[in-house]
Amino acid sequence: MQSDDIAFRRAILASPADTTLKLVYADWLQERDDLRAQFMRLQVELHTTRTSAAAVEAAAWFLRVGGQLDTDWVAFIRKSFARA
Protein backbone atom coordinates (compact mmCIF):
# COMPACT_ATOMS: atom_id res chain seq x y z
CA MET A 1 0.00 0.00 0.00
CA GLN A 2 2.82 2.42 0.78
CA SER A 3 4.34 1.78 -2.64
CA ASP A 4 1.01 2.82 -4.25
CA ASP A 5 1.03 6.02 -2.20
CA ILE A 6 4.59 6.74 -3.35
CA ALA A 7 3.58 6.05 -6.96
CA PHE A 8 0.74 8.57 -6.67
CA ARG A 9 3.09 11.17 -5.22
CA ARG A 10 5.59 10.64 -8.04
CA ALA A 11 2.84 10.97 -10.63
CA ILE A 12 1.60 14.17 -9.01
CA LEU A 13 5.14 15.53 -8.93
CA ALA A 14 5.51 14.76 -12.64
CA SER A 15 2.12 16.34 -13.53
CA PRO A 16 1.22 18.88 -10.85
CA ALA A 17 -1.52 20.51 -12.96
CA ASP A 18 -3.42 17.22 -13.40
CA THR A 19 -6.41 17.68 -11.11
CA THR A 20 -7.97 14.43 -12.32
CA LEU A 21 -4.95 12.52 -11.04
CA LYS A 22 -5.27 14.30 -7.69
CA LEU A 23 -8.95 13.35 -7.47
CA VAL A 24 -8.13 9.72 -8.33
CA TYR A 25 -5.58 9.83 -5.52
CA ALA A 26 -8.27 11.24 -3.21
CA ASP A 27 -10.59 8.37 -4.16
CA TRP A 28 -7.80 5.87 -3.49
CA LEU A 29 -7.18 7.45 -0.09
CA GLN A 30 -10.88 7.44 0.76
CA GLU A 31 -11.13 3.73 -0.08
CA ARG A 32 -8.60 3.26 2.71
CA ASP A 33 -10.47 5.56 5.14
CA ASP A 34 -7.57 8.00 5.02
CA LEU A 35 -8.24 11.55 6.25
CA ARG A 36 -5.97 12.90 3.54
CA ALA A 37 -8.70 12.23 0.95
CA GLN A 38 -10.81 15.15 2.11
CA PHE A 39 -7.79 17.44 2.29
CA MET A 40 -6.91 16.57 -1.30
CA ARG A 41 -10.45 17.22 -2.50
CA LEU A 42 -10.58 20.55 -0.69
CA GLN A 43 -7.26 21.56 -2.23
CA VAL A 44 -8.54 20.68 -5.71
CA GLU A 45 -11.71 22.67 -5.08
CA LEU A 46 -9.72 25.66 -3.84
CA HIS A 47 -7.44 25.52 -6.86
CA THR A 48 -10.17 25.07 -9.45
CA THR A 49 -12.96 27.28 -8.11
CA ARG A 50 -11.10 29.86 -6.05
CA THR A 51 -14.28 30.85 -4.26
CA SER A 52 -14.44 32.29 -0.79
CA ALA A 53 -16.88 29.53 0.22
CA ALA A 54 -14.32 26.89 -0.75
CA ALA A 55 -11.63 28.75 1.18
CA VAL A 56 -13.79 28.99 4.30
CA GLU A 57 -14.71 25.29 4.11
CA ALA A 58 -11.09 24.26 3.62
CA ALA A 59 -9.86 26.43 6.48
CA ALA A 60 -12.55 25.15 8.85
CA TRP A 61 -11.84 21.53 7.96
CA PHE A 62 -8.11 22.01 8.36
CA LEU A 63 -8.57 23.60 11.79
CA ARG A 64 -10.68 20.62 12.90
CA VAL A 65 -8.66 17.81 11.36
CA GLY A 66 -5.44 19.15 9.91
CA GLY A 67 -3.38 18.47 13.01
CA GLN A 68 -3.82 14.75 12.37
CA LEU A 69 -2.13 14.91 8.97
CA ASP A 70 1.56 14.41 8.31
CA THR A 71 3.06 17.87 7.87
CA ASP A 72 5.51 16.71 5.18
CA TRP A 73 2.64 15.27 3.14
CA VAL A 74 0.59 18.47 3.52
CA ALA A 75 3.58 20.54 2.39
CA PHE A 76 4.09 18.26 -0.63
CA ILE A 77 0.44 18.57 -1.69
CA ARG A 78 0.43 22.35 -1.25
CA LYS A 79 3.61 22.64 -3.33
CA SER A 80 2.04 20.54 -6.08
CA PHE A 81 -0.79 23.06 -6.34
CA ALA A 82 1.63 25.98 -6.34
CA ARG A 83 3.43 24.43 -9.31
CA ALA A 84 0.21 23.83 -11.27
PDB file of N, CA and C in Angstrom:
ATOM      1  N   MET A   1       0.837  -1.193   0.000  1.00  0.00           N
ATOM      2  CA  MET A   1       0.000   0.000   0.000  1.00  0.00           C
ATOM      3  C   MET A   1       0.877   1.249   0.000  1.00  0.00           C
ATOM      4  N   GLN A   2       1.952   1.252   0.743  1.00  0.00           N
ATOM      5  CA  GLN A   2       2.818   2.424   0.777  1.00  0.00           C
ATOM      6  C   GLN A   2       3.447   2.670  -0.584  1.00  0.00           C
ATOM      7  N   SER A   3       3.753   1.602  -1.319  1.00  0.00           N
ATOM      8  CA  SER A   3       4.335   1.784  -2.643  1.00  0.00           C
ATOM      9  C   SER A   3       3.337   2.444  -3.593  1.00  0.00           C
ATOM     10  N   ASP A   4       2.038   2.149  -3.444  1.00  0.00           N
ATOM     11  CA  ASP A   4       1.015   2.816  -4.249  1.00  0.00           C
ATOM     12  C   ASP A   4       0.952   4.299  -3.909  1.00  0.00           C
ATOM     13  N   ASP A   5       1.051   4.623  -2.630  1.00  0.00           N
ATOM     14  CA  ASP A   5       1.034   6.022  -2.205  1.00  0.00           C
ATOM     15  C   ASP A   5       2.230   6.764  -2.804  1.00  0.00           C
ATOM     16  N   ILE A   6       3.378   6.137  -2.771  1.00  0.00           N
ATOM     17  CA  ILE A   6       4.587   6.745  -3.347  1.00  0.00           C
ATOM     18  C   ILE A   6       4.419   6.919  -4.852  1.00  0.00           C
ATOM     19  N   ALA A   7       3.810   5.953  -5.511  1.00  0.00           N
ATOM     20  CA  ALA A   7       3.576   6.054  -6.956  1.00  0.00           C
ATOM     21  C   ALA A   7       2.655   7.227  -7.276  1.00  0.00           C
ATOM     22  N   PHE A   8       1.619   7.417  -6.475  1.00  0.00           N
ATOM     23  CA  PHE A   8       0.736   8.568  -6.672  1.00  0.00           C
ATOM     24  C   PHE A   8       1.506   9.875  -6.492  1.00  0.00           C
ATOM     25  N   ARG A   9       2.323   9.946  -5.464  1.00  0.00           N
ATOM     26  CA  ARG A   9       3.095  11.171  -5.219  1.00  0.00           C
ATOM     27  C   ARG A   9       4.042  11.462  -6.380  1.00  0.00           C
ATOM     28  N   ARG A  10       4.682  10.449  -6.901  1.00  0.00           N
ATOM     29  CA  ARG A  10       5.592  10.639  -8.043  1.00  0.00           C
ATOM     30  C   ARG A  10       4.826  11.126  -9.270  1.00  0.00           C
ATOM     31  N   ALA A  11       3.658  10.547  -9.490  1.00  0.00           N
ATOM     32  CA  ALA A  11       2.845  10.966 -10.635  1.00  0.00           C
ATOM     33  C   ALA A  11       2.389  12.419 -10.479  1.00  0.00           C
ATOM     34  N   ILE A  12       2.019  12.788  -9.269  1.00  0.00           N
ATOM     35  CA  ILE A  12       1.604  14.170  -9.005  1.00  0.00           C
ATOM     36  C   ILE A  12       2.785  15.110  -9.198  1.00  0.00           C
ATOM     37  N   LEU A  13       3.936  14.715  -8.753  1.00  0.00           N
ATOM     38  CA  LEU A  13       5.140  15.526  -8.926  1.00  0.00           C
ATOM     39  C   LEU A  13       5.454  15.721 -10.414  1.00  0.00           C
ATOM     40  N   ALA A  14       5.244  14.688 -11.206  1.00  0.00           N
ATOM     41  CA  ALA A  14       5.510  14.755 -12.641  1.00  0.00           C
ATOM     42  C   ALA A  14       4.457  15.583 -13.390  1.00  0.00           C
ATOM     43  N   SER A  15       3.224  15.616 -12.872  1.00  0.00           N
ATOM     44  CA  SER A  15       2.123  16.343 -13.534  1.00  0.00           C
ATOM     45  C   SER A  15       1.322  17.134 -12.514  1.00  0.00           C
ATOM     46  N   PRO A  16       1.894  18.174 -11.932  1.00  0.00           N
ATOM     47  CA  PRO A  16       1.217  18.885 -10.852  1.00  0.00           C
ATOM     48  C   PRO A  16      -0.089  19.575 -11.250  1.00  0.00           C
ATOM     49  N   ALA A  17      -0.290  19.842 -12.531  1.00  0.00           N
ATOM     50  CA  ALA A  17      -1.523  20.506 -12.963  1.00  0.00           C
ATOM     51  C   ALA A  17      -2.670  19.527 -13.216  1.00  0.00           C
ATOM     52  N   ASP A  18      -2.414  18.243 -13.109  1.00  0.00           N
ATOM     53  CA  ASP A  18      -3.422  17.218 -13.401  1.00  0.00           C
ATOM     54  C   ASP A  18      -4.363  17.036 -12.206  1.00  0.00           C
ATOM     55  N   THR A  19      -5.463  17.771 -12.222  1.00  0.00           N
ATOM     56  CA  THR A  19      -6.411  17.676 -11.106  1.00  0.00           C
ATOM     57  C   THR A  19      -7.143  16.336 -11.101  1.00  0.00           C
ATOM     58  N   THR A  20      -7.326  15.742 -12.272  1.00  0.00           N
ATOM     59  CA  THR A  20      -7.971  14.432 -12.320  1.00  0.00           C
ATOM     60  C   THR A  20      -7.142  13.402 -11.562  1.00  0.00           C
ATOM     61  N   LEU A  21      -5.846  13.423 -11.764  1.00  0.00           N
ATOM     62  CA  LEU A  21      -4.949  12.525 -11.036  1.00  0.00           C
ATOM     63  C   LEU A  21      -5.082  12.746  -9.525  1.00  0.00           C
ATOM     64  N   LYS A  22      -5.145  13.995  -9.123  1.00  0.00           N
ATOM     65  CA  LYS A  22      -5.271  14.295  -7.693  1.00  0.00           C
ATOM     66  C   LYS A  22      -6.594  13.791  -7.131  1.00  0.00           C
ATOM     67  N   LEU A  23      -7.659  13.868  -7.930  1.00  0.00           N
ATOM     68  CA  LEU A  23      -8.948  13.349  -7.468  1.00  0.00           C
ATOM     69  C   LEU A  23      -8.962  11.825  -7.437  1.00  0.00           C
ATOM     70  N   VAL A  24      -8.268  11.187  -8.365  1.00  0.00           N
ATOM     71  CA  VAL A  24      -8.134   9.716  -8.327  1.00  0.00           C
ATOM     72  C   VAL A  24      -7.375   9.317  -7.062  1.00  0.00           C
ATOM     73  N   TYR A  25      -6.334  10.071  -6.753  1.00  0.00           N
ATOM     74  CA  TYR A  25      -5.582   9.833  -5.520  1.00  0.00           C
ATOM     75  C   TYR A  25      -6.493  10.002  -4.307  1.00  0.00           C
ATOM     76  N   ALA A  26      -7.327  11.026  -4.322  1.00  0.00           N
ATOM     77  CA  ALA A  26      -8.272  11.243  -3.213  1.00  0.00           C
ATOM     78  C   ALA A  26      -9.227  10.061  -3.083  1.00  0.00           C
ATOM     79  N   ASP A  27      -9.715   9.547  -4.203  1.00  0.00           N
ATOM     80  CA  ASP A  27     -10.592   8.366  -4.164  1.00  0.00           C
ATOM     81  C   ASP A  27      -9.856   7.172  -3.570  1.00  0.00           C
ATOM     82  N   TRP A  28      -8.609   6.981  -4.002  1.00  0.00           N
ATOM     83  CA  TRP A  28      -7.804   5.870  -3.490  1.00  0.00           C
ATOM     84  C   TRP A  28      -7.618   6.001  -1.978  1.00  0.00           C
ATOM     85  N   LEU A  29      -7.334   7.216  -1.535  1.00  0.00           N
ATOM     86  CA  LEU A  29      -7.176   7.450  -0.095  1.00  0.00           C
ATOM     87  C   LEU A  29      -8.476   7.175   0.655  1.00  0.00           C
ATOM     88  N   GLN A  30      -9.598   7.636   0.091  1.00  0.00           N
ATOM     89  CA  GLN A  30     -10.881   7.436   0.764  1.00  0.00           C
ATOM     90  C   GLN A  30     -11.226   5.953   0.879  1.00  0.00           C
ATOM     91  N   GLU A  31     -10.883   5.179  -0.143  1.00  0.00           N
ATOM     92  CA  GLU A  31     -11.128   3.732  -0.081  1.00  0.00           C
ATOM     93  C   GLU A  31     -10.401   3.095   1.097  1.00  0.00           C
ATOM     94  N   ARG A  32      -9.386   3.757   1.578  1.00  0.00           N
ATOM     95  CA  ARG A  32      -8.600   3.265   2.714  1.00  0.00           C
ATOM     96  C   ARG A  32      -8.932   4.018   4.004  1.00  0.00           C
ATOM     97  N   ASP A  33     -10.037   4.763   3.989  1.00  0.00           N
ATOM     98  CA  ASP A  33     -10.471   5.562   5.142  1.00  0.00           C
ATOM     99  C   ASP A  33      -9.365   6.491   5.638  1.00  0.00           C
ATOM    100  N   ASP A  34      -8.680   7.110   4.708  1.00  0.00           N
ATOM    101  CA  ASP A  34      -7.567   8.000   5.019  1.00  0.00           C
ATOM    102  C   ASP A  34      -8.050   9.446   5.023  1.00  0.00           C
ATOM    103  N   LEU A  35      -7.810  10.153   6.120  1.00  0.00           N
ATOM    104  CA  LEU A  35      -8.237  11.552   6.249  1.00  0.00           C
ATOM    105  C   LEU A  35      -7.688  12.458   5.150  1.00  0.00           C
ATOM    106  N   ARG A  36      -6.581  12.074   4.573  1.00  0.00           N
ATOM    107  CA  ARG A  36      -5.966  12.901   3.540  1.00  0.00           C
ATOM    108  C   ARG A  36      -6.850  13.057   2.312  1.00  0.00           C
ATOM    109  N   ALA A  37      -7.801  12.148   2.116  1.00  0.00           N
ATOM    110  CA  ALA A  37      -8.700  12.227   0.955  1.00  0.00           C
ATOM    111  C   ALA A  37      -9.463  13.546   0.940  1.00  0.00           C
ATOM    112  N   GLN A  38     -10.036  13.908   2.047  1.00  0.00           N
ATOM    113  CA  GLN A  38     -10.811  15.146   2.105  1.00  0.00           C
ATOM    114  C   GLN A  38      -9.912  16.358   1.921  1.00  0.00           C
ATOM    115  N   PHE A  39      -8.727  16.334   2.480  1.00  0.00           N
ATOM    116  CA  PHE A  39      -7.794  17.439   2.291  1.00  0.00           C
ATOM    117  C   PHE A  39      -7.481  17.610   0.808  1.00  0.00           C
ATOM    118  N   MET A  40      -7.219  16.499   0.128  1.00  0.00           N
ATOM    119  CA  MET A  40      -6.905  16.569  -1.297  1.00  0.00           C
ATOM    120  C   MET A  40      -8.076  17.148  -2.078  1.00  0.00           C
ATOM    121  N   ARG A  41      -9.280  16.694  -1.791  1.00  0.00           N
ATOM    122  CA  ARG A  41     -10.453  17.218  -2.503  1.00  0.00           C
ATOM    123  C   ARG A  41     -10.640  18.716  -2.245  1.00  0.00           C
ATOM    124  N   LEU A  42     -10.456  19.120  -1.007  1.00  0.00           N
ATOM    125  CA  LEU A  42     -10.584  20.548  -0.685  1.00  0.00           C
ATOM    126  C   LEU A  42      -9.522  21.370  -1.409  1.00  0.00           C
ATOM    127  N   GLN A  43      -8.320  20.844  -1.512  1.00  0.00           N
ATOM    128  CA  GLN A  43      -7.264  21.564  -2.228  1.00  0.00           C
ATOM    129  C   GLN A  43      -7.594  21.678  -3.720  1.00  0.00           C
ATOM    130  N   VAL A  44      -8.136  20.620  -4.302  1.00  0.00           N
ATOM    131  CA  VAL A  44      -8.541  20.675  -5.711  1.00  0.00           C
ATOM    132  C   VAL A  44      -9.640  21.716  -5.879  1.00  0.00           C
ATOM    133  N   GLU A  45     -10.616  21.701  -4.998  1.00  0.00           N
ATOM    134  CA  GLU A  45     -11.710  22.674  -5.082  1.00  0.00           C
ATOM    135  C   GLU A  45     -11.184  24.102  -4.953  1.00  0.00           C
ATOM    136  N   LEU A  46     -10.301  24.325  -4.005  1.00  0.00           N
ATOM    137  CA  LEU A  46      -9.719  25.662  -3.843  1.00  0.00           C
ATOM    138  C   LEU A  46      -8.981  26.099  -5.106  1.00  0.00           C
ATOM    139  N   HIS A  47      -8.252  25.188  -5.687  1.00  0.00           N
ATOM    140  CA  HIS A  47      -7.437  25.520  -6.856  1.00  0.00           C
ATOM    141  C   HIS A  47      -8.294  25.746  -8.105  1.00  0.00           C
ATOM    142  N   THR A  48      -9.376  24.991  -8.229  1.00  0.00           N
ATOM    143  CA  THR A  48     -10.171  25.075  -9.454  1.00  0.00           C
ATOM    144  C   THR A  48     -11.293  26.098  -9.377  1.00  0.00           C
ATOM    145  N   THR A  49     -11.853  26.340  -8.197  1.00  0.00           N
ATOM    146  CA  THR A  49     -12.965  27.283  -8.112  1.00  0.00           C
ATOM    147  C   THR A  49     -12.543  28.643  -7.569  1.00  0.00           C
ATOM    148  N   ARG A  50     -11.608  28.621  -6.656  1.00  0.00           N
ATOM    149  CA  ARG A  50     -11.095  29.855  -6.047  1.00  0.00           C
ATOM    150  C   ARG A  50     -12.206  30.732  -5.468  1.00  0.00           C
ATOM    151  N   THR A  51     -13.199  30.091  -4.872  1.00  0.00           N
ATOM    152  CA  THR A  51     -14.282  30.847  -4.257  1.00  0.00           C
ATOM    153  C   THR A  51     -14.013  31.033  -2.772  1.00  0.00           C
ATOM    154  N   SER A  52     -14.621  32.066  -2.217  1.00  0.00           N
ATOM    155  CA  SER A  52     -14.442  32.291  -0.788  1.00  0.00           C
ATOM    156  C   SER A  52     -15.115  31.185   0.020  1.00  0.00           C
ATOM    157  N   ALA A  53     -16.211  30.626  -0.493  1.00  0.00           N
ATOM    158  CA  ALA A  53     -16.876  29.531   0.222  1.00  0.00           C
ATOM    159  C   ALA A  53     -15.954  28.323   0.323  1.00  0.00           C
ATOM    160  N   ALA A  54     -15.255  28.013  -0.767  1.00  0.00           N
ATOM    161  CA  ALA A  54     -14.315  26.888  -0.751  1.00  0.00           C
ATOM    162  C   ALA A  54     -13.184  27.161   0.226  1.00  0.00           C
ATOM    163  N   ALA A  55     -12.717  28.396   0.269  1.00  0.00           N
ATOM    164  CA  ALA A  55     -11.631  28.755   1.180  1.00  0.00           C
ATOM    165  C   ALA A  55     -12.073  28.638   2.633  1.00  0.00           C
ATOM    166  N   VAL A  56     -13.273  29.068   2.925  1.00  0.00           N
ATOM    167  CA  VAL A  56     -13.793  28.986   4.296  1.00  0.00           C
ATOM    168  C   VAL A  56     -13.959  27.526   4.705  1.00  0.00           C
ATOM    169  N   GLU A  57     -14.525  26.717   3.808  1.00  0.00           N
ATOM    170  CA  GLU A  57     -14.710  25.292   4.106  1.00  0.00           C
ATOM    171  C   GLU A  57     -13.372  24.606   4.351  1.00  0.00           C
ATOM    172  N   ALA A  58     -12.404  24.882   3.485  1.00  0.00           N
ATOM    173  CA  ALA A  58     -11.089  24.262   3.623  1.00  0.00           C
ATOM    174  C   ALA A  58     -10.414  24.671   4.924  1.00  0.00           C
ATOM    175  N   ALA A  59     -10.486  25.947   5.250  1.00  0.00           N
ATOM    176  CA  ALA A  59      -9.859  26.435   6.482  1.00  0.00           C
ATOM    177  C   ALA A  59     -10.516  25.813   7.709  1.00  0.00           C
ATOM    178  N   ALA A  60     -11.833  25.736   7.708  1.00  0.00           N
ATOM    179  CA  ALA A  60     -12.551  25.151   8.848  1.00  0.00           C
ATOM    180  C   ALA A  60     -12.203  23.673   9.006  1.00  0.00           C
ATOM    181  N   TRP A  61     -12.177  22.944   7.897  1.00  0.00           N
ATOM    182  CA  TRP A  61     -11.837  21.527   7.957  1.00  0.00           C
ATOM    183  C   TRP A  61     -10.420  21.349   8.473  1.00  0.00           C
ATOM    184  N   PHE A  62      -9.499  22.154   7.958  1.00  0.00           N
ATOM    185  CA  PHE A  62      -8.110  22.008   8.357  1.00  0.00           C
ATOM    186  C   PHE A  62      -7.922  22.320   9.840  1.00  0.00           C
ATOM    187  N   LEU A  63      -8.653  23.288  10.355  1.00  0.00           N
ATOM    188  CA  LEU A  63      -8.570  23.599  11.790  1.00  0.00           C
ATOM    189  C   LEU A  63      -9.066  22.431  12.636  1.00  0.00           C
ATOM    190  N   ARG A  64     -10.111  21.749  12.160  1.00  0.00           N
ATOM    191  CA  ARG A  64     -10.680  20.622  12.903  1.00  0.00           C
ATOM    192  C   ARG A  64      -9.800  19.381  12.807  1.00  0.00           C
ATOM    193  N   VAL A  65      -9.269  19.107  11.628  1.00  0.00           N
ATOM    194  CA  VAL A  65      -8.663  17.809  11.363  1.00  0.00           C
ATOM    195  C   VAL A  65      -7.191  17.897  10.963  1.00  0.00           C
ATOM    196  N   GLY A  66      -6.765  19.015  10.487  1.00  0.00           N
ATOM    197  CA  GLY A  66      -5.435  19.152   9.906  1.00  0.00           C
ATOM    198  C   GLY A  66      -4.291  18.722  10.795  1.00  0.00           C
ATOM    199  N   GLY A  67      -4.443  18.869  12.085  1.00  0.00           N
ATOM    200  CA  GLY A  67      -3.381  18.473  13.006  1.00  0.00           C
ATOM    201  C   GLY A  67      -3.093  16.984  13.001  1.00  0.00           C
ATOM    202  N   GLN A  68      -4.004  16.194  12.434  1.00  0.00           N
ATOM    203  CA  GLN A  68      -3.820  14.745  12.374  1.00  0.00           C
ATOM    204  C   GLN A  68      -3.044  14.311  11.128  1.00  0.00           C
ATOM    205  N   LEU A  69      -2.810  15.246  10.212  1.00  0.00           N
ATOM    206  CA  LEU A  69      -2.134  14.915   8.965  1.00  0.00           C
ATOM    207  C   LEU A  69      -0.624  15.090   9.106  1.00  0.00           C
ATOM    208  N   ASP A  70       0.106  14.304   8.354  1.00  0.00           N
ATOM    209  CA  ASP A  70       1.556  14.407   8.315  1.00  0.00           C
ATOM    210  C   ASP A  70       1.942  15.742   7.675  1.00  0.00           C
ATOM    211  N   THR A  71       2.724  16.539   8.361  1.00  0.00           N
ATOM    212  CA  THR A  71       3.064  17.874   7.871  1.00  0.00           C
ATOM    213  C   THR A  71       3.885  17.832   6.592  1.00  0.00           C
ATOM    214  N   ASP A  72       4.731  16.826   6.421  1.00  0.00           N
ATOM    215  CA  ASP A  72       5.506  16.705   5.184  1.00  0.00           C
ATOM    216  C   ASP A  72       4.588  16.424   3.995  1.00  0.00           C
ATOM    217  N   TRP A  73       3.593  15.573   4.207  1.00  0.00           N
ATOM    218  CA  TRP A  73       2.640  15.270   3.141  1.00  0.00           C
ATOM    219  C   TRP A  73       1.841  16.509   2.772  1.00  0.00           C
ATOM    220  N   VAL A  74       1.353  17.236   3.767  1.00  0.00           N
ATOM    221  CA  VAL A  74       0.591  18.465   3.517  1.00  0.00           C
ATOM    222  C   VAL A  74       1.447  19.457   2.719  1.00  0.00           C
ATOM    223  N   ALA A  75       2.686  19.613   3.100  1.00  0.00           N
ATOM    224  CA  ALA A  75       3.580  20.535   2.389  1.00  0.00           C
ATOM    225  C   ALA A  75       3.774  20.082   0.943  1.00  0.00           C
ATOM    226  N   PHE A  76       3.931  18.785   0.725  1.00  0.00           N
ATOM    227  CA  PHE A  76       4.092  18.257  -0.628  1.00  0.00           C
ATOM    228  C   PHE A  76       2.862  18.585  -1.479  1.00  0.00           C
ATOM    229  N   ILE A  77       1.674  18.334  -0.943  1.00  0.00           N
ATOM    230  CA  ILE A  77       0.443  18.573  -1.692  1.00  0.00           C
ATOM    231  C   ILE A  77       0.295  20.063  -1.988  1.00  0.00           C
ATOM    232  N   ARG A  78       0.536  20.893  -1.015  1.00  0.00           N
ATOM    233  CA  ARG A  78       0.428  22.348  -1.249  1.00  0.00           C
ATOM    234  C   ARG A  78       1.409  22.809  -2.311  1.00  0.00           C
ATOM    235  N   LYS A  79       2.620  22.279  -2.304  1.00  0.00           N
ATOM    236  CA  LYS A  79       3.610  22.644  -3.327  1.00  0.00           C
ATOM    237  C   LYS A  79       3.144  22.187  -4.701  1.00  0.00           C
ATOM    238  N   SER A  80       2.500  21.031  -4.769  1.00  0.00           N
ATOM    239  CA  SER A  80       2.035  20.541  -6.082  1.00  0.00           C
ATOM    240  C   SER A  80       1.011  21.490  -6.676  1.00  0.00           C
ATOM    241  N   PHE A  81       0.187  22.102  -5.833  1.00  0.00           N
ATOM    242  CA  PHE A  81      -0.793  23.058  -6.337  1.00  0.00           C
ATOM    243  C   PHE A  81      -0.119  24.383  -6.702  1.00  0.00           C
ATOM    244  N   ALA A  82       0.911  24.749  -6.016  1.00  0.00           N
ATOM    245  CA  ALA A  82       1.634  25.981  -6.337  1.00  0.00           C
ATOM    246  C   ALA A  82       2.323  25.866  -7.688  1.00  0.00           C
ATOM    247  N   ARG A  83       2.750  24.653  -8.033  1.00  0.00           N
ATOM    248  CA  ARG A  83       3.429  24.429  -9.313  1.00  0.00           C
ATOM    249  C   ARG A  83       2.457  24.361 -10.487  1.00  0.00           C
ATOM    250  N   ALA A  84       1.199  24.061 -10.202  1.00  0.00           N
ATOM    251  CA  ALA A  84       0.211  23.830 -11.269  1.00  0.00           C
ATOM    252  C   ALA A  84      -0.094  25.106 -12.033  1.00  0.00           C
TER     253      ALA A  84
END
